[in-house]
Amino acid sequence: MAKRRKFSPEFKVQVVLEVLSGAKSGAEVCREYGIRSQLLSKWKTQFLDNAAALFEGIHDPHNEDKARIAELERLAGRQALEIEILHLPWRAVPGKKASNILRAHQSKRE
């Protein structure tokens, strides 16, 4: 029994772009690479259906990185505030505990 060939995504893109750019006809590409026209048609359909996803912000790794950076900056700011509160001279704030000051600050922000 013949073993099925597996094609890399890069190869599929290269083949489809050759056809879409007009550099070669579909028949030329099929003969050159030894693939069936139905397979080329399937690859073209998949390529065109998923092309719009490249421009959507949902799959943009930079947006995910920005969100992660913003979260880390928020956490760093909170830790800096906690450190500052813990180092306050307590004689200047009589009767206040650090946890009460922190809770009061958090409730102001919400």
C-alpha atoms as a PDB file:
ATOM      1  CA  MET A   1       0.000   0.000   0.000  1.00  0.00           C
ATOM      2  CA  ALA A   2       1.330   3.437  -0.940  1.00  0.00           C
ATOM      3  CA  LYS A   3       2.311   5.786   1.850  1.00  0.00           C
ATOM      4  CA  ARG A   4       0.499   9.133   1.936  1.00  0.00           C
ATOM      5  CA  ARG A   5       2.656  12.185   1.368  1.00  0.00           C
ATOM      6  CA  LYS A   6       2.543  14.985   3.906  1.00  0.00           C
ATOM      7  CA  PHE A   7       3.062  18.544   2.782  1.00  0.00           C
ATOM      8  CA  SER A   8       4.294  21.315   5.083  1.00  0.00           C
ATOM      9  CA  PRO A   9       2.227  24.472   5.468  1.00  0.00           C
ATOM     10  CA  GLU A  10       5.090  26.445   3.914  1.00  0.00           C
ATOM     11  CA  PHE A  11       5.027  24.242   0.819  1.00  0.00           C
ATOM     12  CA  LYS A  12       1.260  24.610   0.475  1.00  0.00           C
ATOM     13  CA  VAL A  13       1.507  28.401   0.697  1.00  0.00           C
ATOM     14  CA  GLN A  14       4.296  28.469  -1.882  1.00  0.00           C
ATOM     15  CA  VAL A  15       2.267  26.363  -4.327  1.00  0.00           C
ATOM     16  CA  VAL A  16      -0.921  28.379  -3.853  1.00  0.00           C
ATOM     17  CA  LEU A  17       0.905  31.696  -4.230  1.00  0.00           C
ATOM     18  CA  GLU A  18       2.487  30.523  -7.478  1.00  0.00           C
ATOM     19  CA  VAL A  19      -0.998  29.958  -8.877  1.00  0.00           C
ATOM     20  CA  LEU A  20      -2.639  33.069  -7.389  1.00  0.00           C
ATOM     21  CA  SER A  21       0.185  35.364  -8.502  1.00  0.00           C
ATOM     22  CA  GLY A  22      -0.149  34.106 -12.060  1.00  0.00           C
ATOM     23  CA  ALA A  23       3.446  32.913 -12.202  1.00  0.00           C
ATOM     24  CA  LYS A  24       2.200  29.457 -13.207  1.00  0.00           C
ATOM     25  CA  SER A  25      -1.103  27.914 -14.133  1.00  0.00           C
ATOM     26  CA  GLY A  26      -2.801  25.366 -11.916  1.00  0.00           C
ATOM     27  CA  ALA A  27      -1.994  22.597 -14.397  1.00  0.00           C
ATOM     28  CA  GLU A  28       1.702  23.566 -14.467  1.00  0.00           C
ATOM     29  CA  VAL A  29       1.930  23.527 -10.688  1.00  0.00           C
ATOM     30  CA  CYS A  30       0.179  20.153 -10.477  1.00  0.00           C
ATOM     31  CA  ARG A  31       2.547  18.611 -13.022  1.00  0.00           C
ATOM     32  CA  GLU A  32       5.659  20.168 -11.469  1.00  0.00           C
ATOM     33  CA  TYR A  33       4.909  19.056  -7.916  1.00  0.00           C
ATOM     34  CA  GLY A  34       3.017  15.877  -8.721  1.00  0.00           C
ATOM     35  CA  ILE A  35      -0.222  16.823  -6.972  1.00  0.00           C
ATOM     36  CA  ARG A  36      -3.822  16.427  -8.082  1.00  0.00           C
ATOM     37  CA  SER A  37      -5.879  19.409  -9.189  1.00  0.00           C
ATOM     38  CA  GLN A  38      -8.479  18.628  -6.492  1.00  0.00           C
ATOM     39  CA  LEU A  39      -5.795  18.940  -3.824  1.00  0.00           C
ATOM     40  CA  LEU A  40      -4.591  22.264  -5.231  1.00  0.00           C
ATOM     41  CA  SER A  41      -8.182  23.488  -5.302  1.00  0.00           C
ATOM     42  CA  LYS A  42      -8.633  22.466  -1.658  1.00  0.00           C
ATOM     43  CA  TRP A  43      -5.447  24.305  -0.643  1.00  0.00           C
ATOM     44  CA  LYS A  44      -6.513  27.443  -2.524  1.00  0.00           C
ATOM     45  CA  THR A  45      -9.902  27.412  -0.813  1.00  0.00           C
ATOM     46  CA  GLN A  46      -8.323  26.972   2.640  1.00  0.00           C
ATOM     47  CA  PHE A  47      -5.812  29.726   1.909  1.00  0.00           C
ATOM     48  CA  LEU A  48      -8.427  32.218   0.778  1.00  0.00           C
ATOM     49  CA  ASP A  49     -10.859  31.355   3.587  1.00  0.00           C
ATOM     50  CA  ASN A  50      -8.189  31.916   6.240  1.00  0.00           C
ATOM     51  CA  ALA A  51      -6.446  34.915   4.671  1.00  0.00           C
ATOM     52  CA  ALA A  52      -8.699  37.417   6.468  1.00  0.00           C
ATOM     53  CA  ALA A  53      -7.649  36.022   9.847  1.00  0.00           C
ATOM     54  CA  LEU A  54      -4.183  37.456   9.282  1.00  0.00           C
ATOM     55  CA  PHE A  55      -5.564  40.955   9.616  1.00  0.00           C
ATOM     56  CA  GLU A  56      -7.832  40.393  12.606  1.00  0.00           C
ATOM     57  CA  GLY A  57      -6.644  41.671  15.962  1.00  0.00           C
ATOM     58  CA  ILE A  58      -7.842  38.503  17.699  1.00  0.00           C
ATOM     59  CA  HIS A  59      -4.897  36.386  16.617  1.00  0.00           C
ATOM     60  CA  ASP A  60      -2.339  39.172  16.854  1.00  0.00           C
ATOM     61  CA  PRO A  61       0.405  38.008  19.242  1.00  0.00           C
ATOM     62  CA  HIS A  62       1.378  41.622  19.815  1.00  0.00           C
ATOM     63  CA  ASN A  63      -2.024  42.341  21.376  1.00  0.00           C
ATOM     64  CA  GLU A  64      -1.606  39.371  23.701  1.00  0.00           C
ATOM     65  CA  ASP A  65       1.860  40.606  24.643  1.00  0.00           C
ATOM     66  CA  LYS A  66       0.536  44.114  25.294  1.00  0.00           C
ATOM     67  CA  ALA A  67      -2.226  42.748  27.533  1.00  0.00           C
ATOM     68  CA  ARG A  68       0.303  40.654  29.460  1.00  0.00           C
ATOM     69  CA  ILE A  69       2.624  43.661  29.873  1.00  0.00           C
ATOM     70  CA  ALA A  70      -0.264  45.805  31.120  1.00  0.00           C
ATOM     71  CA  GLU A  71      -1.197  43.143  33.681  1.00  0.00           C
ATOM     72  CA  LEU A  72       2.398  42.845  34.893  1.00  0.00           C
ATOM     73  CA  GLU A  73       2.709  46.639  35.155  1.00  0.00           C
ATOM     74  CA  ARG A  74      -0.484  46.744  37.224  1.00  0.00           C
ATOM     75  CA  LEU A  75       0.871  44.083  39.557  1.00  0.00           C
ATOM     76  CA  ALA A  76       4.223  45.873  39.855  1.00  0.00           C
ATOM     77  CA  GLY A  77       2.408  49.100  40.723  1.00  0.00           C
ATOM     78  CA  ARG A  78       0.383  47.370  43.396  1.00  0.00           C
ATOM     79  CA  GLN A  79       3.495  45.813  44.916  1.00  0.00           C
ATOM     80  CA  ALA A  80       5.228  49.202  44.894  1.00  0.00           C
ATOM     81  CA  LEU A  81       2.243  50.688  46.751  1.00  0.00           C
ATOM     82  CA  GLU A  82       2.305  47.864  49.296  1.00  0.00           C
ATOM     83  CA  ILE A  83       6.023  48.390  49.911  1.00  0.00           C
ATOM     84  CA  GLU A  84       5.495  52.135  50.283  1.00  0.00           C
ATOM     85  CA  ILE A  85       2.689  51.600  52.807  1.00  0.00           C
ATOM     86  CA  LEU A  86       4.774  49.168  54.811  1.00  0.00           C
ATOM     87  CA  HIS A  87       7.586  51.700  55.040  1.00  0.00           C
ATOM     88  CA  LEU A  88       5.406  54.623  56.180  1.00  0.00           C
ATOM     89  CA  PRO A  89       6.364  56.100  59.553  1.00  0.00           C
ATOM     90  CA  TRP A  90       3.482  54.823  61.680  1.00  0.00           C
ATOM     91  CA  ARG A  91       3.697  57.704  64.080  1.00  0.00           C
ATOM     92  CA  ALA A  92       2.511  59.925  61.213  1.00  0.00           C
ATOM     93  CA  VAL A  93      -0.638  57.806  60.820  1.00  0.00           C
ATOM     94  CA  PRO A  94      -1.772  56.921  64.331  1.00  0.00           C
ATOM     95  CA  GLY A  95      -4.185  54.006  64.718  1.00  0.00           C
ATOM     96  CA  LYS A  96      -3.857  52.874  61.103  1.00  0.00           C
ATOM     97  CA  LYS A  97      -2.624  49.460  60.092  1.00  0.00           C
ATOM     98  CA  ALA A  98      -0.968  48.858  56.750  1.00  0.00           C
ATOM     99  CA  SER A  99      -3.750  46.495  55.694  1.00  0.00           C
ATOM    100  CA  ASN A 100      -6.391  49.174  56.420  1.00  0.00           C
ATOM    101  CA  ILE A 101      -4.489  51.773  54.382  1.00  0.00           C
ATOM    102  CA  LEU A 102      -4.137  49.354  51.492  1.00  0.00           C
ATOM    103  CA  ARG A 103      -7.832  48.439  51.552  1.00  0.00           C
ATOM    104  CA  ALA A 104      -8.788  52.125  51.652  1.00  0.00           C
ATOM    105  CA  HIS A 105      -6.578  52.804  48.640  1.00  0.00           C
ATOM    106  CA  GLN A 106      -8.020  49.857  46.714  1.00  0.00           C
ATOM    107  CA  SER A 107     -11.600  50.900  47.406  1.00  0.00           C
ATOM    108  CA  LYS A 108     -10.836  54.388  46.037  1.00  0.00           C
ATOM    109  CA  ARG A 109      -9.589  52.858  42.776  1.00  0.00           C
ATOM    110  CA  GLU A 110     -12.671  50.647  42.255  1.00  0.00           C
END
